[in-house]
């Protein structure tokens, strides 16, 4: 039963990360279209956008990794209790 809830937690965080990345892409594309004439702002906007996207992807992968690590730790401790 616990494994099902953990797989749901993994799915939730992966979907949340994907939605946040999609939202950031949509906002960035709109910003670029509106401000394409201002080159310096466009340059810094693209750099910051790439940093934000990279941060969200790394954060999502760490969350999924932690959930899987906790799942493995719980499963191994359950095996020790039964023996």
PDB file of N, CA and C in Angstrom:
ATOM      1  N   UNK A   1       0.809  -1.195   0.000  1.00  0.00           N
ATOM      2  CA  UNK A   1       0.000   0.000   0.000  1.00  0.00           C
ATOM      3  C   UNK A   1       0.855   1.263   0.000  1.00  0.00           C
ATOM      4  N   UNK A   2       1.954   1.255   0.737  1.00  0.00           N
ATOM      5  CA  UNK A   2       2.811   2.436   0.787  1.00  0.00           C
ATOM      6  C   UNK A   2       3.492   2.690  -0.553  1.00  0.00           C
ATOM      7  N   UNK A   3       3.816   1.644  -1.265  1.00  0.00           N
ATOM      8  CA  UNK A   3       4.495   1.819  -2.543  1.00  0.00           C
ATOM      9  C   UNK A   3       3.596   2.568  -3.522  1.00  0.00           C
ATOM     10  N   UNK A   4       2.302   2.275  -3.481  1.00  0.00           N
ATOM     11  CA  UNK A   4       1.364   2.971  -4.362  1.00  0.00           C
ATOM     12  C   UNK A   4       1.354   4.464  -4.055  1.00  0.00           C
ATOM     13  N   UNK A   5       1.343   4.832  -2.787  1.00  0.00           N
ATOM     14  CA  UNK A   5       1.324   6.251  -2.449  1.00  0.00           C
ATOM     15  C   UNK A   5       2.634   6.925  -2.837  1.00  0.00           C
ATOM     16  N   UNK A   6       3.735   6.210  -2.759  1.00  0.00           N
ATOM     17  CA  UNK A   6       5.008   6.802  -3.164  1.00  0.00           C
ATOM     18  C   UNK A   6       5.079   6.964  -4.674  1.00  0.00           C
ATOM     19  N   UNK A   7       4.532   6.015  -5.405  1.00  0.00           N
ATOM     20  CA  UNK A   7       4.526   6.184  -6.857  1.00  0.00           C
ATOM     21  C   UNK A   7       3.624   7.351  -7.251  1.00  0.00           C
ATOM     22  N   UNK A   8       2.560   7.567  -6.490  1.00  0.00           N
ATOM     23  CA  UNK A   8       1.709   8.730  -6.741  1.00  0.00           C
ATOM     24  C   UNK A   8       2.456  10.014  -6.414  1.00  0.00           C
ATOM     25  N   UNK A   9       3.265   9.995  -5.357  1.00  0.00           N
ATOM     26  CA  UNK A   9       4.049  11.179  -5.001  1.00  0.00           C
ATOM     27  C   UNK A   9       5.077  11.484  -6.085  1.00  0.00           C
ATOM     28  N   UNK A  10       5.719  10.449  -6.604  1.00  0.00           N
ATOM     29  CA  UNK A  10       6.690  10.644  -7.694  1.00  0.00           C
ATOM     30  C   UNK A  10       5.986  11.233  -8.905  1.00  0.00           C
ATOM     31  N   UNK A  11       4.840  10.669  -9.259  1.00  0.00           N
ATOM     32  CA  UNK A  11       4.086  11.173 -10.411  1.00  0.00           C
ATOM     33  C   UNK A  11       3.668  12.624 -10.190  1.00  0.00           C
ATOM     34  N   UNK A  12       3.240  12.954  -8.966  1.00  0.00           N
ATOM     35  CA  UNK A  12       2.834  14.325  -8.670  1.00  0.00           C
ATOM     36  C   UNK A  12       3.986  15.297  -8.882  1.00  0.00           C
ATOM     37  N   UNK A  13       5.168  14.986  -8.351  1.00  0.00           N
ATOM     38  CA  UNK A  13       6.289  15.900  -8.469  1.00  0.00           C
ATOM     39  C   UNK A  13       6.806  15.999  -9.900  1.00  0.00           C
ATOM     40  N   UNK A  14       6.753  14.910 -10.634  1.00  0.00           N
ATOM     41  CA  UNK A  14       7.165  14.961 -12.037  1.00  0.00           C
ATOM     42  C   UNK A  14       6.186  15.826 -12.835  1.00  0.00           C
ATOM     43  N   UNK A  15       4.896  15.633 -12.628  1.00  0.00           N
ATOM     44  CA  UNK A  15       3.891  16.436 -13.339  1.00  0.00           C
ATOM     45  C   UNK A  15       3.988  17.898 -12.932  1.00  0.00           C
ATOM     46  N   UNK A  16       4.209  18.166 -11.641  1.00  0.00           N
ATOM     47  CA  UNK A  16       4.371  19.544 -11.176  1.00  0.00           C
ATOM     48  C   UNK A  16       5.580  20.205 -11.841  1.00  0.00           C
ATOM     49  N   UNK A  17       6.689  19.479 -11.916  1.00  0.00           N
ATOM     50  CA  UNK A  17       7.876  20.013 -12.570  1.00  0.00           C
ATOM     51  C   UNK A  17       7.643  20.296 -14.044  1.00  0.00           C
ATOM     52  N   UNK A  18       6.960  19.397 -14.722  1.00  0.00           N
ATOM     53  CA  UNK A  18       6.668  19.586 -16.149  1.00  0.00           C
ATOM     54  C   UNK A  18       5.760  20.800 -16.358  1.00  0.00           C
ATOM     55  N   UNK A  19       4.753  20.939 -15.496  1.00  0.00           N
ATOM     56  CA  UNK A  19       3.844  22.095 -15.623  1.00  0.00           C
ATOM     57  C   UNK A  19       4.580  23.409 -15.368  1.00  0.00           C
ATOM     58  N   UNK A  20       5.472  23.431 -14.370  1.00  0.00           N
ATOM     59  CA  UNK A  20       6.219  24.653 -14.087  1.00  0.00           C
ATOM     60  C   UNK A  20       7.162  25.011 -15.231  1.00  0.00           C
ATOM     61  N   UNK A  21       7.797  24.004 -15.817  1.00  0.00           N
ATOM     62  CA  UNK A  21       8.674  24.260 -16.961  1.00  0.00           C
ATOM     63  C   UNK A  21       7.855  24.778 -18.143  1.00  0.00           C
ATOM     64  N   UNK A  22       6.697  24.184 -18.393  1.00  0.00           N
ATOM     65  CA  UNK A  22       5.851  24.639 -19.500  1.00  0.00           C
ATOM     66  C   UNK A  22       5.369  26.070 -19.272  1.00  0.00           C
ATOM     67  N   UNK A  23       5.012  26.399 -18.047  1.00  0.00           N
ATOM     68  CA  UNK A  23       4.590  27.759 -17.732  1.00  0.00           C
ATOM     69  C   UNK A  23       5.735  28.750 -17.929  1.00  0.00           C
ATOM     70  N   UNK A  24       6.922  28.382 -17.485  1.00  0.00           N
ATOM     71  CA  UNK A  24       8.076  29.269 -17.656  1.00  0.00           C
ATOM     72  C   UNK A  24       8.404  29.466 -19.133  1.00  0.00           C
ATOM     73  N   UNK A  25       8.302  28.407 -19.921  1.00  0.00           N
ATOM     74  CA  UNK A  25       8.554  28.529 -21.364  1.00  0.00           C
ATOM     75  C   UNK A  25       7.520  29.456 -22.003  1.00  0.00           C
ATOM     76  N   UNK A  26       6.253  29.285 -21.640  1.00  0.00           N
ATOM     77  CA  UNK A  26       5.204  30.129 -22.217  1.00  0.00           C
ATOM     78  C   UNK A  26       5.412  31.599 -21.852  1.00  0.00           C
ATOM     79  N   UNK A  27       5.748  31.860 -20.588  1.00  0.00           N
ATOM     80  CA  UNK A  27       5.994  33.241 -20.177  1.00  0.00           C
ATOM     81  C   UNK A  27       7.212  33.818 -20.872  1.00  0.00           C
ATOM     82  N   UNK A  28       8.253  33.021 -21.017  1.00  0.00           N
ATOM     83  CA  UNK A  28       9.474  33.512 -21.654  1.00  0.00           C
ATOM     84  C   UNK A  28       9.255  33.793 -23.139  1.00  0.00           C
ATOM     85  N   UNK A  29       8.554  32.925 -23.826  1.00  0.00           N
ATOM     86  CA  UNK A  29       8.294  33.143 -25.251  1.00  0.00           C
ATOM     87  C   UNK A  29       7.453  34.401 -25.436  1.00  0.00           C
ATOM     88  N   UNK A  30       6.453  34.593 -24.587  1.00  0.00           N
ATOM     89  CA  UNK A  30       5.653  35.811 -24.665  1.00  0.00           C
ATOM     90  C   UNK A  30       6.482  37.049 -24.392  1.00  0.00           C
ATOM     91  N   UNK A  31       7.378  36.959 -23.428  1.00  0.00           N
ATOM     92  CA  UNK A  31       8.232  38.099 -23.093  1.00  0.00           C
ATOM     93  C   UNK A  31       9.173  38.430 -24.250  1.00  0.00           C
ATOM     94  N   UNK A  32       9.728  37.404 -24.872  1.00  0.00           N
ATOM     95  CA  UNK A  32      10.626  37.619 -26.013  1.00  0.00           C
ATOM     96  C   UNK A  32       9.871  38.264 -27.172  1.00  0.00           C
ATOM     97  N   UNK A  33       8.661  37.794 -27.438  1.00  0.00           N
ATOM     98  CA  UNK A  33       7.883  38.361 -28.543  1.00  0.00           C
ATOM     99  C   UNK A  33       7.564  39.831 -28.277  1.00  0.00           C
ATOM    100  N   UNK A  34       7.245  40.183 -27.026  1.00  0.00           N
ATOM    101  CA  UNK A  34       6.909  41.570 -26.704  1.00  0.00           C
ATOM    102  C   UNK A  34       8.133  42.488 -26.668  1.00  0.00           C
ATOM    103  N   UNK A  35       9.292  41.959 -26.295  1.00  0.00           N
ATOM    104  CA  UNK A  35      10.473  42.793 -26.075  1.00  0.00           C
ATOM    105  C   UNK A  35      11.637  42.440 -27.002  1.00  0.00           C
ATOM    106  N   UNK A  36      11.377  42.036 -28.196  1.00  0.00           N
ATOM    107  CA  UNK A  36      12.458  41.587 -29.070  1.00  0.00           C
ATOM    108  C   UNK A  36      13.362  42.724 -29.504  1.00  0.00           C
ATOM    109  N   UNK A  37      12.912  43.949 -29.410  1.00  0.00           N
ATOM    110  CA  UNK A  37      13.715  45.087 -29.865  1.00  0.00           C
ATOM    111  C   UNK A  37      14.796  45.477 -28.858  1.00  0.00           C
ATOM    112  N   UNK A  38      14.629  45.150 -27.612  1.00  0.00           N
ATOM    113  CA  UNK A  38      15.590  45.521 -26.580  1.00  0.00           C
ATOM    114  C   UNK A  38      16.573  44.365 -26.387  1.00  0.00           C
ATOM    115  N   UNK A  39      17.709  44.459 -27.073  1.00  0.00           N
ATOM    116  CA  UNK A  39      18.659  43.359 -27.144  1.00  0.00           C
ATOM    117  C   UNK A  39      19.280  42.959 -25.825  1.00  0.00           C
ATOM    118  N   UNK A  40      19.660  43.923 -24.998  1.00  0.00           N
ATOM    119  CA  UNK A  40      20.320  43.598 -23.731  1.00  0.00           C
ATOM    120  C   UNK A  40      19.359  42.879 -22.792  1.00  0.00           C
ATOM    121  N   UNK A  41      18.147  43.404 -22.690  1.00  0.00           N
ATOM    122  CA  UNK A  41      17.159  42.739 -21.845  1.00  0.00           C
ATOM    123  C   UNK A  41      16.826  41.346 -22.371  1.00  0.00           C
ATOM    124  N   UNK A  42      16.772  41.217 -23.670  1.00  0.00           N
ATOM    125  CA  UNK A  42      16.511  39.915 -24.268  1.00  0.00           C
ATOM    126  C   UNK A  42      17.621  38.932 -23.916  1.00  0.00           C
ATOM    127  N   UNK A  43      18.869  39.388 -24.016  1.00  0.00           N
ATOM    128  CA  UNK A  43      20.011  38.518 -23.695  1.00  0.00           C
ATOM    129  C   UNK A  43      19.943  38.039 -22.242  1.00  0.00           C
ATOM    130  N   UNK A  44      19.773  38.989 -21.305  1.00  0.00           N
ATOM    131  CA  UNK A  44      19.715  38.610 -19.894  1.00  0.00           C
ATOM    132  C   UNK A  44      18.471  37.784 -19.582  1.00  0.00           C
ATOM    133  N   UNK A  45      17.383  38.078 -20.256  1.00  0.00           N
ATOM    134  CA  UNK A  45      16.170  37.297 -20.052  1.00  0.00           C
ATOM    135  C   UNK A  45      16.346  35.848 -20.461  1.00  0.00           C
ATOM    136  N   UNK A  46      17.011  35.620 -21.577  1.00  0.00           N
ATOM    137  CA  UNK A  46      17.246  34.246 -22.033  1.00  0.00           C
ATOM    138  C   UNK A  46      18.185  33.522 -21.065  1.00  0.00           C
ATOM    139  N   UNK A  47      19.221  34.222 -20.594  1.00  0.00           N
ATOM    140  CA  UNK A  47      20.155  33.601 -19.641  1.00  0.00           C
ATOM    141  C   UNK A  47      19.432  33.228 -18.352  1.00  0.00           C
ATOM    142  N   UNK A  48      18.672  34.166 -17.788  1.00  0.00           N
ATOM    143  CA  UNK A  48      17.937  33.878 -16.554  1.00  0.00           C
ATOM    144  C   UNK A  48      16.889  32.796 -16.767  1.00  0.00           C
ATOM    145  N   UNK A  49      16.265  32.800 -17.916  1.00  0.00           N
ATOM    146  CA  UNK A  49      15.283  31.767 -18.219  1.00  0.00           C
ATOM    147  C   UNK A  49      15.939  30.385 -18.208  1.00  0.00           C
ATOM    148  N   UNK A  50      17.082  30.254 -18.835  1.00  0.00           N
ATOM    149  CA  UNK A  50      17.778  28.960 -18.852  1.00  0.00           C
ATOM    150  C   UNK A  50      18.165  28.528 -17.441  1.00  0.00           C
ATOM    151  N   UNK A  51      18.569  29.471 -16.614  1.00  0.00           N
ATOM    152  CA  UNK A  51      18.911  29.140 -15.227  1.00  0.00           C
ATOM    153  C   UNK A  51      17.681  28.685 -14.438  1.00  0.00           C
ATOM    154  N   UNK A  52      16.563  29.357 -14.645  1.00  0.00           N
ATOM    155  CA  UNK A  52      15.331  28.969 -13.938  1.00  0.00           C
ATOM    156  C   UNK A  52      14.878  27.585 -14.373  1.00  0.00           C
ATOM    157  N   UNK A  53      14.894  27.319 -15.664  1.00  0.00           N
ATOM    158  CA  UNK A  53      14.484  26.001 -16.169  1.00  0.00           C
ATOM    159  C   UNK A  53      15.413  24.918 -15.630  1.00  0.00           C
ATOM    160  N   UNK A  54      16.704  25.170 -15.660  1.00  0.00           N
ATOM    161  CA  UNK A  54      17.660  24.183 -15.134  1.00  0.00           C
ATOM    162  C   UNK A  54      17.407  23.939 -13.653  1.00  0.00           C
ATOM    163  N   UNK A  55      17.125  24.987 -12.899  1.00  0.00           N
ATOM    164  CA  UNK A  55      16.847  24.828 -11.473  1.00  0.00           C
ATOM    165  C   UNK A  55      15.596  24.011 -11.210  1.00  0.00           C
ATOM    166  N   UNK A  56      14.550  24.239 -11.990  1.00  0.00           N
ATOM    167  CA  UNK A  56      13.320  23.466 -11.803  1.00  0.00           C
ATOM    168  C   UNK A  56      13.533  21.998 -12.158  1.00  0.00           C
ATOM    169  N   UNK A  57      14.301  21.732 -13.193  1.00  0.00           N
ATOM    170  CA  UNK A  57      14.557  20.346 -13.583  1.00  0.00           C
ATOM    171  C   UNK A  57      15.391  19.641 -12.522  1.00  0.00           C
ATOM    172  N   UNK A  58      16.421  20.307 -12.024  1.00  0.00           N
ATOM    173  CA  UNK A  58      17.263  19.711 -10.976  1.00  0.00           C
ATOM    174  C   UNK A  58      16.447  19.497  -9.705  1.00  0.00           C
ATOM    175  N   UNK A  59      15.620  20.463  -9.334  1.00  0.00           N
ATOM    176  CA  UNK A  59      14.796  20.328  -8.141  1.00  0.00           C
ATOM    177  C   UNK A  59      13.838  19.145  -8.260  1.00  0.00           C
ATOM    178  N   UNK A  60      13.187  19.006  -9.396  1.00  0.00           N
ATOM    179  CA  UNK A  60      12.275  17.885  -9.606  1.00  0.00           C
ATOM    180  C   UNK A  60      13.008  16.557  -9.538  1.00  0.00           C
ATOM    181  N   UNK A  61      14.183  16.479 -10.149  1.00  0.00           N
ATOM    182  CA  UNK A  61      14.930  15.215 -10.105  1.00  0.00           C
ATOM    183  C   UNK A  61      15.380  14.890  -8.691  1.00  0.00           C
ATOM    184  N   UNK A  62      15.765  15.901  -7.891  1.00  0.00           N
ATOM    185  CA  UNK A  62      16.137  15.639  -6.501  1.00  0.00           C
ATOM    186  C   UNK A  62      14.942  15.161  -5.681  1.00  0.00           C
ATOM    187  N   UNK A  63      13.769  15.745  -5.910  1.00  0.00           N
ATOM    188  CA  UNK A  63      12.576  15.297  -5.193  1.00  0.00           C
ATOM    189  C   UNK A  63      12.258  13.841  -5.512  1.00  0.00           C
ATOM    190  N   UNK A  64      12.306  13.482  -6.775  1.00  0.00           N
ATOM    191  CA  UNK A  64      12.032  12.098  -7.175  1.00  0.00           C
ATOM    192  C   UNK A  64      13.095  11.169  -6.594  1.00  0.00           C
ATOM    193  N   UNK A  65      14.351  11.595  -6.607  1.00  0.00           N
ATOM    194  CA  UNK A  65      15.438  10.784  -6.047  1.00  0.00           C
ATOM    195  C   UNK A  65      15.222  10.552  -4.549  1.00  0.00           C
ATOM    196  N   UNK A  66      14.843  11.595  -3.810  1.00  0.00           N
ATOM    197  CA  UNK A  66      14.610  11.461  -2.374  1.00  0.00           C
ATOM    198  C   UNK A  66      13.446  10.514  -2.089  1.00  0.00           C
ATOM    199  N   UNK A  67      12.391  10.602  -2.861  1.00  0.00           N
ATOM    200  CA  UNK A  67      11.247   9.714  -2.654  1.00  0.00           C
ATOM    201  C   UNK A  67      11.659   8.273  -2.903  1.00  0.00           C
ATOM    202  N   UNK A  68      12.412   8.038  -3.960  1.00  0.00           N
ATOM    203  CA  UNK A  68      12.859   6.666  -4.250  1.00  0.00           C
ATOM    204  C   UNK A  68      13.827   6.168  -3.194  1.00  0.00           C
ATOM    205  N   UNK A  69      14.714   7.060  -2.693  1.00  0.00           N
ATOM    206  CA  UNK A  69      15.666   6.651  -1.664  1.00  0.00           C
ATOM    207  C   UNK A  69      14.926   6.298  -0.379  1.00  0.00           C
ATOM    208  N   UNK A  70      13.927   7.089  -0.009  1.00  0.00           N
ATOM    209  CA  UNK A  70      13.136   6.784   1.180  1.00  0.00           C
ATOM    210  C   UNK A  70      12.369   5.486   1.004  1.00  0.00           C
ATOM    211  N   UNK A  71      11.897   5.231  -0.209  1.00  0.00           N
ATOM    212  CA  UNK A  71      11.193   3.984  -0.486  1.00  0.00           C
ATOM    213  C   UNK A  71      12.127   2.802  -0.294  1.00  0.00           C
ATOM    214  N   UNK A  72      13.351   2.920  -0.779  1.00  0.00           N
ATOM    215  CA  UNK A  72      14.330   1.842  -0.640  1.00  0.00           C
ATOM    216  C   UNK A  72      14.702   1.644   0.827  1.00  0.00           C
ATOM    217  N   UNK A  73      14.891   2.713   1.574  1.00  0.00           N
ATOM    218  CA  UNK A  73      15.248   2.622   2.987  1.00  0.00           C
ATOM    219  C   UNK A  73      14.121   1.985   3.776  1.00  0.00           C
ATOM    220  N   UNK A  74      12.893   2.358   3.483  1.00  0.00           N
ATOM    221  CA  UNK A  74      11.746   1.786   4.185  1.00  0.00           C
ATOM    222  C   UNK A  74      11.609   0.303   3.863  1.00  0.00           C
ATOM    223  N   UNK A  75      11.805  -0.066   2.614  1.00  0.00           N
ATOM    224  CA  UNK A  75      11.682  -1.475   2.221  1.00  0.00           C
ATOM    225  C   UNK A  75      12.763  -2.313   2.896  1.00  0.00           C
ATOM    226  N   UNK A  76      14.000  -1.805   2.977  1.00  0.00           N
ATOM    227  CA  UNK A  76      15.059  -2.582   3.603  1.00  0.00           C
ATOM    228  C   UNK A  76      14.852  -2.677   5.106  1.00  0.00           C
ATOM    229  N   UNK A  77      14.317  -1.637   5.744  1.00  0.00           N
ATOM    230  CA  UNK A  77      14.056  -1.711   7.180  1.00  0.00           C
ATOM    231  C   UNK A  77      12.896  -2.655   7.463  1.00  0.00           C
ATOM    232  N   UNK A  78      11.937  -2.749   6.558  1.00  0.00           N
ATOM    233  CA  UNK A  78      10.827  -3.694   6.739  1.00  0.00           C
ATOM    234  C   UNK A  78      11.346  -5.127   6.646  1.00  0.00           C
ATOM    235  N   UNK A  79      12.308  -5.383   5.753  1.00  0.00           N
ATOM    236  CA  UNK A  79      12.884  -6.723   5.641  1.00  0.00           C
ATOM    237  C   UNK A  79      13.639  -7.093   6.910  1.00  0.00           C
ATOM    238  N   UNK A  80      14.332  -6.135   7.503  1.00  0.00           N
ATOM    239  CA  UNK A  80      15.070  -6.409   8.728  1.00  0.00           C
ATOM    240  C   UNK A  80      14.122  -6.715   9.885  1.00  0.00           C
ATOM    241  N   UNK A  81      12.987  -6.075   9.924  1.00  0.00           N
ATOM    242  CA  UNK A  81      12.021  -6.315  11.003  1.00  0.00           C
ATOM    243  C   UNK A  81      11.394  -7.699  10.895  1.00  0.00           C
ATOM    244  N   UNK A  82      11.197  -8.182   9.693  1.00  0.00           N
ATOM    245  CA  UNK A  82      10.552  -9.492   9.522  1.00  0.00           C
ATOM    246  C   UNK A  82      11.494 -10.632   9.814  1.00  0.00           C
ATOM    247  N   UNK A  83      12.809 -10.393   9.711  1.00  0.00           N
ATOM    248  CA  UNK A  83      13.779 -11.475   9.955  1.00  0.00           C
ATOM    249  C   UNK A  83      14.073 -11.647  11.392  1.00  0.00           C
TER     250      UNK A  83
END
